[in-house]
Amino acid sequence: MSLGLPTSKVGPAKACRESLNSSHKACIALGSNLGESTQILQSAWAQLLEYPAIVPVALSSPYRSEPVGMDRTHWFVNAAALVRTTLTPLVLLQVLQSIEARHGRVRPLQRTGCQDRTLDLDLLLYDDFVIYSDALIIPHPRMHQRLFVLEPLAEIAGDWIHPLQGKPVGELLLDYLKKENNQQVERFFWPE
């Protein structure tokens, strides 16, 4: 599937679109462990292109990772995306959830822990905002504890300063690797 974006085996794919006026930077985590996960993530990235208020900037390489906090055997495919947007964080979250729903994601009314999913899109960072609400927490509260988030995010936004940790994402990744290495994450490449 062609996404209309240049791809590289040595770095992230980058969109060739003009920046929006008065736009904000946002980082999004993409994940899937049901179905054709790589194709699902590519489709989700392509669907972001459909929204005029969202300009995709970079998509990381895909990474295979074993489930964390789940008694499941289906490994995940994860990636990270960097976008520019004129949408507010809450409206951007609603767009992400609508893309999830198009891929068959059903969110239970009550949280029941981690579950297999066709598509998971998490808003990780939005400029240097810190938001605590019932609907949204930014920065994502566990992103600095998850190798499957830090690896792809460091690839495309390694110098982005985490607003609460006060460190760049690349340094958070190095800190994580010094302390723990019990998560298995393997980088691969998008199909041509």
Protein backbone atom coordinates (compact mmCIF):
# COMPACT_ATOMS: atom_id res chain seq x y z
CA MET A 1 0.00 0.00 0.00
CA SER A 2 1.48 3.33 -0.98
CA LEU A 3 0.94 6.11 1.53
CA GLY A 4 2.03 8.83 -0.85
CA LEU A 5 5.04 9.54 1.34
CA PRO A 6 8.72 8.97 0.80
CA THR A 7 10.04 6.10 2.87
CA SER A 8 13.53 5.35 3.99
CA LYS A 9 15.24 2.32 5.46
CA VAL A 10 17.50 4.60 7.49
CA GLY A 11 15.02 7.06 8.92
CA PRO A 12 11.40 8.09 9.31
CA ALA A 13 9.03 8.68 6.45
CA LYS A 14 8.21 12.35 6.04
CA ALA A 15 5.19 14.03 4.58
CA CYS A 16 5.78 16.70 1.98
CA ARG A 17 3.01 19.14 2.91
CA GLU A 18 3.05 22.75 3.94
CA SER A 19 2.73 23.61 7.62
CA LEU A 20 -0.54 24.97 8.92
CA ASN A 21 -0.73 28.51 10.23
CA SER A 22 -1.05 28.73 14.02
CA SER A 23 -0.53 25.02 14.27
CA HIS A 24 0.54 22.87 17.16
CA LYS A 25 2.86 19.86 17.24
CA ALA A 26 1.48 16.57 18.50
CA CYS A 27 2.91 13.08 18.89
CA ILE A 28 0.69 10.05 18.48
CA ALA A 29 1.41 6.42 19.36
CA LEU A 30 0.01 3.81 16.97
CA GLY A 31 -0.42 0.17 17.96
CA SER A 32 -2.18 -2.99 16.82
CA ASN A 33 -2.04 -6.67 17.73
CA LEU A 34 -5.08 -8.06 15.91
CA GLY A 35 -5.39 -8.58 12.17
CA GLU A 36 -2.85 -7.34 9.63
CA SER A 37 -1.29 -4.93 12.12
CA THR A 38 1.28 -3.35 9.80
CA GLN A 39 -1.37 -2.62 7.18
CA ILE A 40 -3.74 -1.30 9.84
CA LEU A 41 -1.12 1.21 11.06
CA GLN A 42 -0.40 2.29 7.48
CA SER A 43 -4.12 2.76 6.91
CA ALA A 44 -4.48 4.84 10.09
CA TRP A 45 -1.56 7.05 8.99
CA ALA A 46 -3.17 7.49 5.55
CA GLN A 47 -6.49 8.40 7.17
CA LEU A 48 -4.80 11.22 9.07
CA LEU A 49 -4.04 12.69 5.61
CA GLU A 50 -7.79 13.02 5.03
CA TYR A 51 -8.17 15.75 7.67
CA PRO A 52 -7.25 19.23 6.40
CA ALA A 53 -6.55 20.38 9.97
CA ILE A 54 -3.91 17.65 10.47
CA VAL A 55 -0.64 17.71 8.57
CA PRO A 56 1.40 14.54 9.01
CA VAL A 57 5.08 15.39 9.46
CA ALA A 58 6.82 12.09 10.24
CA LEU A 59 6.05 8.43 10.79
CA SER A 60 8.55 6.23 12.58
CA SER A 61 9.58 2.79 11.48
CA PRO A 62 7.30 0.02 12.73
CA TYR A 63 8.40 -1.95 15.79
CA ARG A 64 7.30 -5.41 16.91
CA SER A 65 6.84 -5.70 20.65
CA GLU A 66 5.57 -8.27 23.06
CA PRO A 67 2.45 -7.33 25.02
CA VAL A 68 3.11 -5.45 28.27
CA GLY A 69 0.67 -5.82 31.18
CA MET A 70 -1.39 -8.39 29.27
CA ASP A 71 -1.71 -12.15 29.34
CA ARG A 72 -1.70 -12.36 25.55
CA THR A 73 0.48 -14.01 22.95
CA HIS A 74 -0.32 -11.65 20.06
CA TRP A 75 2.66 -9.35 19.60
CA PHE A 76 2.01 -5.71 18.77
CA VAL A 77 3.18 -3.59 15.89
CA ASN A 78 3.85 -0.08 17.18
CA ALA A 79 4.90 3.19 15.59
CA ALA A 80 4.88 6.89 16.42
CA ALA A 81 3.67 9.80 14.34
CA LEU A 82 4.46 13.49 14.49
CA VAL A 83 1.78 15.85 13.15
CA ARG A 84 0.99 19.54 13.02
CA THR A 85 -2.61 20.49 13.70
CA THR A 86 -4.94 23.41 14.32
CA LEU A 87 -7.24 21.12 16.32
CA THR A 88 -7.44 21.35 20.09
CA PRO A 89 -6.12 18.32 21.99
CA LEU A 90 -9.65 17.08 22.77
CA VAL A 91 -10.84 17.40 19.17
CA LEU A 92 -7.66 15.67 17.96
CA LEU A 93 -8.37 12.84 20.42
CA GLN A 94 -11.89 12.54 18.99
CA VAL A 95 -10.45 12.27 15.46
CA LEU A 96 -8.05 9.54 16.64
CA GLN A 97 -10.90 7.63 18.26
CA SER A 98 -12.99 7.90 15.09
CA ILE A 99 -10.09 6.38 13.09
CA GLU A 100 -9.86 3.59 15.69
CA ALA A 101 -13.59 2.92 15.31
CA ARG A 102 -13.23 2.69 11.51
CA HIS A 103 -10.76 -0.13 12.14
CA GLY A 104 -13.12 -2.05 14.40
CA ARG A 105 -11.88 -0.81 17.78
CA VAL A 106 -14.57 -1.10 20.41
CA ARG A 107 -13.92 0.57 23.74
CA PRO A 108 -15.72 -1.05 26.70
CA LEU A 109 -17.86 1.27 28.80
CA GLN A 110 -15.87 0.31 31.88
CA ARG A 111 -12.10 -0.05 31.82
CA THR A 112 -11.17 -3.70 32.13
CA GLY A 113 -7.40 -3.51 31.77
CA CYS A 114 -5.31 -3.99 28.65
CA GLN A 115 -6.98 -5.85 25.81
CA ASP A 116 -6.11 -7.00 22.31
CA ARG A 117 -7.01 -4.35 19.76
CA THR A 118 -7.14 -3.81 16.04
CA LEU A 119 -5.94 -0.23 16.46
CA ASP A 120 -4.86 1.95 19.36
CA LEU A 121 -4.06 5.63 18.79
CA ASP A 122 -2.82 7.49 21.86
CA LEU A 123 -2.14 11.21 22.00
CA LEU A 124 1.25 11.29 23.74
CA LEU A 125 2.35 14.92 23.56
CA TYR A 126 0.79 18.19 22.39
CA ASP A 127 3.24 21.10 22.32
CA ASP A 128 4.36 21.46 25.94
CA PHE A 129 0.82 21.17 27.30
CA VAL A 130 0.05 19.41 30.57
CA ILE A 131 -3.61 18.37 30.74
CA TYR A 132 -5.40 16.37 33.40
CA SER A 133 -9.07 15.74 32.65
CA ASP A 134 -11.50 12.82 32.69
CA ALA A 135 -11.26 12.65 28.89
CA LEU A 136 -7.55 13.20 28.34
CA ILE A 137 -4.20 13.22 30.13
CA ILE A 138 -1.23 14.83 28.37
CA PRO A 139 1.57 13.92 28.39
CA HIS A 140 0.55 10.28 28.30
CA PRO A 141 1.12 9.15 31.90
CA ARG A 142 3.04 5.93 31.12
CA MET A 143 4.88 6.82 27.92
CA HIS A 144 8.27 7.15 29.66
CA GLN A 145 7.86 3.62 31.09
CA ARG A 146 7.18 1.88 27.78
CA LEU A 147 9.97 0.91 25.45
CA PHE A 148 7.46 0.26 22.65
CA VAL A 149 6.51 3.96 22.84
CA LEU A 150 9.97 5.45 23.47
CA GLU A 151 11.80 3.60 20.66
CA PRO A 152 9.62 4.83 17.77
CA LEU A 153 9.08 8.24 19.35
CA ALA A 154 12.81 8.83 19.80
CA GLU A 155 13.29 8.02 16.11
CA ILE A 156 11.14 10.97 14.99
CA ALA A 157 11.08 13.33 17.99
CA GLY A 158 14.14 12.50 20.10
CA ASP A 159 14.75 16.13 21.04
CA TRP A 160 11.15 16.84 22.17
CA ILE A 161 11.26 17.79 25.86
CA HIS A 162 8.80 15.88 28.01
CA PRO A 163 6.97 18.68 29.88
CA LEU A 164 6.89 16.85 33.22
CA GLN A 165 10.11 14.83 33.11
CA GLY A 166 12.07 17.84 31.81
CA LYS A 167 14.17 15.63 29.53
CA PRO A 168 14.23 15.00 25.78
CA VAL A 169 12.51 11.81 24.60
CA GLY A 170 15.88 10.43 23.45
CA GLU A 171 17.28 10.83 26.96
CA LEU A 172 14.18 9.20 28.48
CA LEU A 173 14.84 6.24 26.19
CA LEU A 174 18.47 6.01 27.35
CA ASP A 175 17.38 6.28 31.00
CA TYR A 176 14.87 3.49 30.48
CA LEU A 177 17.45 1.23 28.83
CA LYS A 178 19.89 1.79 31.74
CA LYS A 179 17.28 0.78 34.32
CA GLU A 180 15.27 -1.92 32.60
CA ASN A 181 15.51 -4.08 29.58
CA ASN A 182 12.74 -6.59 30.11
CA GLN A 183 10.58 -5.46 27.17
CA GLN A 184 11.35 -6.92 23.76
CA VAL A 185 11.09 -4.44 20.90
CA GLU A 186 12.33 -5.09 17.37
CA ARG A 187 12.51 -2.47 14.64
CA PHE A 188 11.61 -3.43 11.08
CA PHE A 189 10.56 -1.53 7.95
CA TRP A 190 7.34 -0.63 6.22
CA PRO A 191 6.59 -2.81 3.18
CA GLU A 192 7.56 -1.20 -0.13
